[in-house]
Amino acid sequence: MKVINRLKASDDFALTIKKGKAQRNQSFVIHYRKNDMLYTRVGVSVSVKLGNAVTRNRIKRQIRSICDLLIDYSSHQLDIVIIAKPGFLNRTFDDNKQALAELLVF
């Protein structure tokens, strides 16, 4: 995922969660809303409840990798916040990819 496609500012996270629409399943909660840019930005959030720093960073890397496979960043103008749930740890990479693909249908 390119740096330009990352949602980084906490204000952007908060605005997307507060004003956007939400969808969820056993592995993820996603919040999304339209932005004023010409591309999609994605932010990933992983709670301390899911593990130590090494585990959380591994989860974030996997989610970013899945996003690169599933999202065409130039086709939509969205801000997306992806929150990993505890069910993420019990599934394989392919199962998590399928679960996120089901939620990312806009």
N, C-alpha and C. Protein backbone atom coordinates (compact mmCIF):
# COMPACT_ATOMS: atom_id res chain seq x y z
N MET A 1 0.85 -1.16 0.00
CA MET A 1 0.00 0.00 0.00
C MET A 1 0.90 1.23 0.00
N LYS A 2 0.66 2.13 -0.94
CA LYS A 2 1.45 3.35 -1.00
C LYS A 2 1.10 4.26 0.17
N VAL A 3 2.02 5.11 0.53
CA VAL A 3 1.84 6.03 1.66
C VAL A 3 0.66 6.96 1.40
N ILE A 4 0.46 7.37 0.17
CA ILE A 4 -0.64 8.28 -0.15
C ILE A 4 -2.00 7.63 0.10
N ASN A 5 -2.06 6.32 0.08
CA ASN A 5 -3.31 5.60 0.29
C ASN A 5 -3.55 5.20 1.73
N ARG A 6 -2.72 5.68 2.65
CA ARG A 6 -2.89 5.34 4.06
C ARG A 6 -3.59 6.47 4.78
N LEU A 7 -4.52 6.10 5.61
CA LEU A 7 -5.22 7.04 6.48
C LEU A 7 -4.44 7.07 7.78
N LYS A 8 -3.88 8.23 8.15
CA LYS A 8 -2.98 8.28 9.28
C LYS A 8 -3.48 9.16 10.43
N ALA A 9 -4.06 10.30 10.12
CA ALA A 9 -4.42 11.27 11.15
C ALA A 9 -5.57 10.75 12.01
N SER A 10 -5.46 10.92 13.30
CA SER A 10 -6.50 10.44 14.21
C SER A 10 -7.81 11.18 13.97
N ASP A 11 -7.76 12.43 13.51
CA ASP A 11 -8.98 13.16 13.18
C ASP A 11 -9.72 12.50 12.02
N ASP A 12 -8.96 12.02 11.03
CA ASP A 12 -9.58 11.33 9.89
C ASP A 12 -10.20 10.01 10.32
N PHE A 13 -9.52 9.29 11.20
CA PHE A 13 -10.07 8.05 11.74
C PHE A 13 -11.38 8.34 12.46
N ALA A 14 -11.36 9.33 13.35
CA ALA A 14 -12.54 9.66 14.16
C ALA A 14 -13.70 10.12 13.29
N LEU A 15 -13.43 10.93 12.30
CA LEU A 15 -14.48 11.43 11.41
C LEU A 15 -15.09 10.30 10.60
N THR A 16 -14.26 9.40 10.11
CA THR A 16 -14.76 8.27 9.33
C THR A 16 -15.62 7.34 10.19
N ILE A 17 -15.19 7.10 11.42
CA ILE A 17 -15.96 6.23 12.31
C ILE A 17 -17.27 6.90 12.73
N LYS A 18 -17.21 8.20 12.99
CA LYS A 18 -18.39 8.90 13.48
C LYS A 18 -19.42 9.16 12.38
N LYS A 19 -18.99 9.61 11.22
CA LYS A 19 -19.90 10.04 10.15
C LYS A 19 -20.13 8.97 9.08
N GLY A 20 -19.30 7.95 9.04
CA GLY A 20 -19.40 6.97 7.97
C GLY A 20 -20.36 5.84 8.26
N LYS A 21 -20.50 4.98 7.28
CA LYS A 21 -21.32 3.77 7.41
C LYS A 21 -20.44 2.64 7.91
N ALA A 22 -21.06 1.63 8.51
CA ALA A 22 -20.28 0.53 9.08
C ALA A 22 -20.84 -0.81 8.63
N GLN A 23 -19.95 -1.77 8.50
CA GLN A 23 -20.30 -3.16 8.24
C GLN A 23 -19.39 -4.02 9.10
N ARG A 24 -19.86 -5.21 9.44
CA ARG A 24 -19.05 -6.07 10.31
C ARG A 24 -19.31 -7.54 10.01
N ASN A 25 -18.32 -8.35 10.38
CA ASN A 25 -18.46 -9.79 10.40
C ASN A 25 -17.60 -10.31 11.55
N GLN A 26 -17.27 -11.58 11.58
CA GLN A 26 -16.55 -12.14 12.72
C GLN A 26 -15.09 -11.69 12.81
N SER A 27 -14.50 -11.29 11.69
CA SER A 27 -13.09 -10.91 11.69
C SER A 27 -12.84 -9.41 11.66
N PHE A 28 -13.78 -8.64 11.09
CA PHE A 28 -13.53 -7.22 10.85
C PHE A 28 -14.76 -6.37 11.15
N VAL A 29 -14.48 -5.10 11.44
CA VAL A 29 -15.47 -4.04 11.38
C VAL A 29 -14.88 -3.01 10.44
N ILE A 30 -15.64 -2.59 9.43
CA ILE A 30 -15.15 -1.53 8.55
C ILE A 30 -16.10 -0.34 8.63
N HIS A 31 -15.51 0.83 8.63
CA HIS A 31 -16.24 2.09 8.56
C HIS A 31 -15.75 2.78 7.29
N TYR A 32 -16.67 3.35 6.52
CA TYR A 32 -16.26 4.02 5.30
C TYR A 32 -17.14 5.23 5.05
N ARG A 33 -16.54 6.21 4.38
CA ARG A 33 -17.28 7.40 3.97
C ARG A 33 -16.59 8.01 2.77
N LYS A 34 -17.32 8.81 2.04
CA LYS A 34 -16.80 9.48 0.84
C LYS A 34 -15.80 10.56 1.26
N ASN A 35 -14.74 10.72 0.48
CA ASN A 35 -13.78 11.80 0.74
C ASN A 35 -13.71 12.73 -0.47
N ASP A 36 -12.99 13.83 -0.33
CA ASP A 36 -12.89 14.84 -1.40
C ASP A 36 -11.67 14.64 -2.28
N MET A 37 -10.99 13.54 -2.12
CA MET A 37 -9.78 13.29 -2.89
C MET A 37 -10.10 12.41 -4.09
N LEU A 38 -9.13 12.20 -4.93
CA LEU A 38 -9.34 11.41 -6.14
C LEU A 38 -8.96 9.94 -5.95
N TYR A 39 -8.73 9.54 -4.71
CA TYR A 39 -8.27 8.18 -4.44
C TYR A 39 -8.82 7.71 -3.10
N THR A 40 -8.67 6.43 -2.86
CA THR A 40 -9.12 5.80 -1.62
C THR A 40 -7.97 5.78 -0.62
N ARG A 41 -8.32 6.04 0.64
CA ARG A 41 -7.34 5.92 1.73
C ARG A 41 -7.85 4.87 2.71
N VAL A 42 -6.93 4.06 3.23
CA VAL A 42 -7.28 2.98 4.14
C VAL A 42 -6.48 3.13 5.43
N GLY A 43 -7.18 3.00 6.56
CA GLY A 43 -6.53 2.99 7.86
C GLY A 43 -6.83 1.68 8.56
N VAL A 44 -5.87 1.17 9.31
CA VAL A 44 -6.02 -0.11 9.99
C VAL A 44 -5.85 0.11 11.48
N SER A 45 -6.76 -0.47 12.25
CA SER A 45 -6.69 -0.37 13.71
C SER A 45 -6.74 -1.77 14.31
N VAL A 46 -5.80 -2.05 15.21
CA VAL A 46 -5.75 -3.34 15.89
C VAL A 46 -5.63 -3.08 17.38
N SER A 47 -6.54 -3.61 18.16
CA SER A 47 -6.60 -3.38 19.59
C SER A 47 -5.49 -4.13 20.33
N VAL A 48 -5.13 -3.59 21.48
CA VAL A 48 -4.15 -4.24 22.36
C VAL A 48 -4.68 -5.60 22.82
N LYS A 49 -5.99 -5.76 22.82
CA LYS A 49 -6.60 -7.02 23.26
C LYS A 49 -6.22 -8.20 22.36
N LEU A 50 -5.76 -7.91 21.14
CA LEU A 50 -5.42 -8.98 20.20
C LEU A 50 -4.01 -9.53 20.39
N GLY A 51 -3.19 -8.86 21.16
CA GLY A 51 -1.86 -9.41 21.40
C GLY A 51 -0.83 -8.33 21.63
N ASN A 52 0.42 -8.76 21.70
CA ASN A 52 1.51 -7.82 21.92
C ASN A 52 1.84 -7.07 20.63
N ALA A 53 2.83 -6.21 20.67
CA ALA A 53 3.16 -5.36 19.52
C ALA A 53 3.53 -6.16 18.28
N VAL A 54 4.25 -7.24 18.47
CA VAL A 54 4.65 -8.07 17.34
C VAL A 54 3.43 -8.66 16.64
N THR A 55 2.49 -9.17 17.41
CA THR A 55 1.27 -9.76 16.86
C THR A 55 0.42 -8.70 16.17
N ARG A 56 0.28 -7.55 16.79
CA ARG A 56 -0.54 -6.48 16.21
C ARG A 56 0.06 -5.98 14.89
N ASN A 57 1.38 -5.84 14.84
CA ASN A 57 2.02 -5.41 13.60
C ASN A 57 1.90 -6.46 12.50
N ARG A 58 1.97 -7.73 12.86
CA ARG A 58 1.77 -8.80 11.88
C ARG A 58 0.36 -8.73 11.31
N ILE A 59 -0.63 -8.51 12.17
CA ILE A 59 -2.02 -8.39 11.72
C ILE A 59 -2.17 -7.20 10.78
N LYS A 60 -1.57 -6.07 11.12
CA LYS A 60 -1.67 -4.88 10.26
C LYS A 60 -1.02 -5.12 8.90
N ARG A 61 0.12 -5.79 8.88
CA ARG A 61 0.78 -6.10 7.61
C ARG A 61 -0.09 -7.01 6.76
N GLN A 62 -0.73 -8.00 7.39
CA GLN A 62 -1.60 -8.90 6.64
C GLN A 62 -2.81 -8.16 6.08
N ILE A 63 -3.39 -7.28 6.87
CA ILE A 63 -4.57 -6.54 6.40
C ILE A 63 -4.18 -5.61 5.24
N ARG A 64 -3.04 -4.94 5.34
CA ARG A 64 -2.59 -4.08 4.24
C ARG A 64 -2.33 -4.90 2.97
N SER A 65 -1.78 -6.09 3.13
CA SER A 65 -1.55 -6.97 1.99
C SER A 65 -2.87 -7.39 1.34
N ILE A 66 -3.84 -7.72 2.16
CA ILE A 66 -5.16 -8.09 1.65
C ILE A 66 -5.78 -6.91 0.91
N CYS A 67 -5.65 -5.71 1.47
CA CYS A 67 -6.20 -4.52 0.83
C CYS A 67 -5.57 -4.29 -0.55
N ASP A 68 -4.26 -4.50 -0.65
CA ASP A 68 -3.60 -4.33 -1.95
C ASP A 68 -4.16 -5.30 -2.99
N LEU A 69 -4.54 -6.48 -2.55
CA LEU A 69 -5.10 -7.47 -3.48
C LEU A 69 -6.55 -7.15 -3.85
N LEU A 70 -7.31 -6.53 -2.96
CA LEU A 70 -8.75 -6.36 -3.16
C LEU A 70 -9.18 -4.99 -3.64
N ILE A 71 -8.45 -3.94 -3.31
CA ILE A 71 -8.91 -2.57 -3.55
C ILE A 71 -8.18 -1.95 -4.72
N ASP A 72 -8.95 -1.33 -5.61
CA ASP A 72 -8.39 -0.47 -6.65
C ASP A 72 -8.47 0.95 -6.11
N TYR A 73 -7.35 1.48 -5.66
CA TYR A 73 -7.33 2.74 -4.92
C TYR A 73 -7.78 3.94 -5.75
N SER A 74 -7.70 3.86 -7.07
CA SER A 74 -8.04 5.01 -7.90
C SER A 74 -9.49 4.97 -8.39
N SER A 75 -10.22 3.91 -8.13
CA SER A 75 -11.57 3.82 -8.69
C SER A 75 -12.65 4.43 -7.79
N HIS A 76 -12.39 4.56 -6.50
CA HIS A 76 -13.36 5.13 -5.57
C HIS A 76 -12.73 6.28 -4.82
N GLN A 77 -13.57 7.11 -4.24
CA GLN A 77 -13.11 8.22 -3.41
C GLN A 77 -13.63 7.98 -2.00
N LEU A 78 -12.95 7.11 -1.27
CA LEU A 78 -13.41 6.70 0.05
C LEU A 78 -12.30 6.78 1.08
N ASP A 79 -12.71 7.00 2.31
CA ASP A 79 -11.85 6.76 3.46
C ASP A 79 -12.38 5.51 4.14
N ILE A 80 -11.54 4.53 4.37
CA ILE A 80 -11.95 3.26 4.96
C ILE A 80 -11.11 3.01 6.21
N VAL A 81 -11.79 2.69 7.31
CA VAL A 81 -11.11 2.27 8.54
C VAL A 81 -11.44 0.81 8.77
N ILE A 82 -10.43 -0.03 8.85
CA ILE A 82 -10.61 -1.45 9.07
C ILE A 82 -10.14 -1.77 10.48
N ILE A 83 -11.03 -2.34 11.28
CA ILE A 83 -10.72 -2.70 12.65
C ILE A 83 -10.73 -4.23 12.76
N ALA A 84 -9.63 -4.80 13.20
CA ALA A 84 -9.53 -6.25 13.35
C ALA A 84 -10.21 -6.67 14.66
N LYS A 85 -10.98 -7.74 14.58
CA LYS A 85 -11.64 -8.30 15.76
C LYS A 85 -10.92 -9.58 16.18
N PRO A 86 -11.20 -10.08 17.39
CA PRO A 86 -10.51 -11.29 17.87
C PRO A 86 -10.69 -12.51 16.95
N GLY A 87 -11.76 -12.56 16.19
CA GLY A 87 -11.97 -13.67 15.26
C GLY A 87 -10.91 -13.75 14.17
N PHE A 88 -10.20 -12.66 13.94
CA PHE A 88 -9.13 -12.63 12.93
C PHE A 88 -8.06 -13.66 13.23
N LEU A 89 -7.74 -13.83 14.50
CA LEU A 89 -6.64 -14.71 14.90
C LEU A 89 -6.96 -16.19 14.69
N ASN A 90 -8.24 -16.54 14.65
CA ASN A 90 -8.65 -17.93 14.53
C ASN A 90 -8.82 -18.38 13.09
N ARG A 91 -8.57 -17.51 12.14
CA ARG A 91 -8.78 -17.84 10.73
C ARG A 91 -7.47 -17.78 9.96
N THR A 92 -7.46 -18.43 8.81
CA THR A 92 -6.29 -18.41 7.94
C THR A 92 -6.28 -17.11 7.13
N PHE A 93 -5.18 -16.87 6.46
CA PHE A 93 -5.04 -15.68 5.62
C PHE A 93 -6.13 -15.66 4.55
N ASP A 94 -6.35 -16.80 3.89
CA ASP A 94 -7.36 -16.86 2.83
C ASP A 94 -8.77 -16.65 3.36
N ASP A 95 -9.06 -17.17 4.54
CA ASP A 95 -10.38 -16.95 5.15
C ASP A 95 -10.57 -15.48 5.48
N ASN A 96 -9.54 -14.84 6.01
CA ASN A 96 -9.63 -13.42 6.32
C ASN A 96 -9.75 -12.58 5.06
N LYS A 97 -9.06 -13.00 4.00
CA LYS A 97 -9.17 -12.30 2.72
C LYS A 97 -10.60 -12.38 2.20
N GLN A 98 -11.20 -13.54 2.27
CA GLN A 98 -12.59 -13.72 1.82
C GLN A 98 -13.55 -12.90 2.68
N ALA A 99 -13.32 -12.89 3.98
CA ALA A 99 -14.19 -12.13 4.90
C ALA A 99 -14.13 -10.63 4.60
N LEU A 100 -12.93 -10.11 4.33
CA LEU A 100 -12.80 -8.69 4.02
C LEU A 100 -13.37 -8.38 2.65
N ALA A 101 -13.21 -9.29 1.70
CA ALA A 101 -13.77 -9.09 0.37
C ALA A 101 -15.29 -8.95 0.41
N GLU A 102 -15.93 -9.71 1.29
CA GLU A 102 -17.38 -9.62 1.42
C GLU A 102 -17.81 -8.25 1.95
N LEU A 103 -17.00 -7.65 2.82
CA LEU A 103 -17.34 -6.35 3.39
C LEU A 103 -17.00 -5.18 2.46
N LEU A 104 -16.05 -5.36 1.59
CA LEU A 104 -15.58 -4.27 0.74
C LEU A 104 -16.35 -4.15 -0.58
N VAL A 105 -17.58 -4.55 -0.60
CA VAL A 105 -18.42 -4.41 -1.79
C VAL A 105 -19.19 -3.10 -1.65
N PHE A 106 -18.85 -2.10 -2.47
CA PHE A 106 -19.51 -0.80 -2.37
C PHE A 106 -20.37 -0.55 -3.57
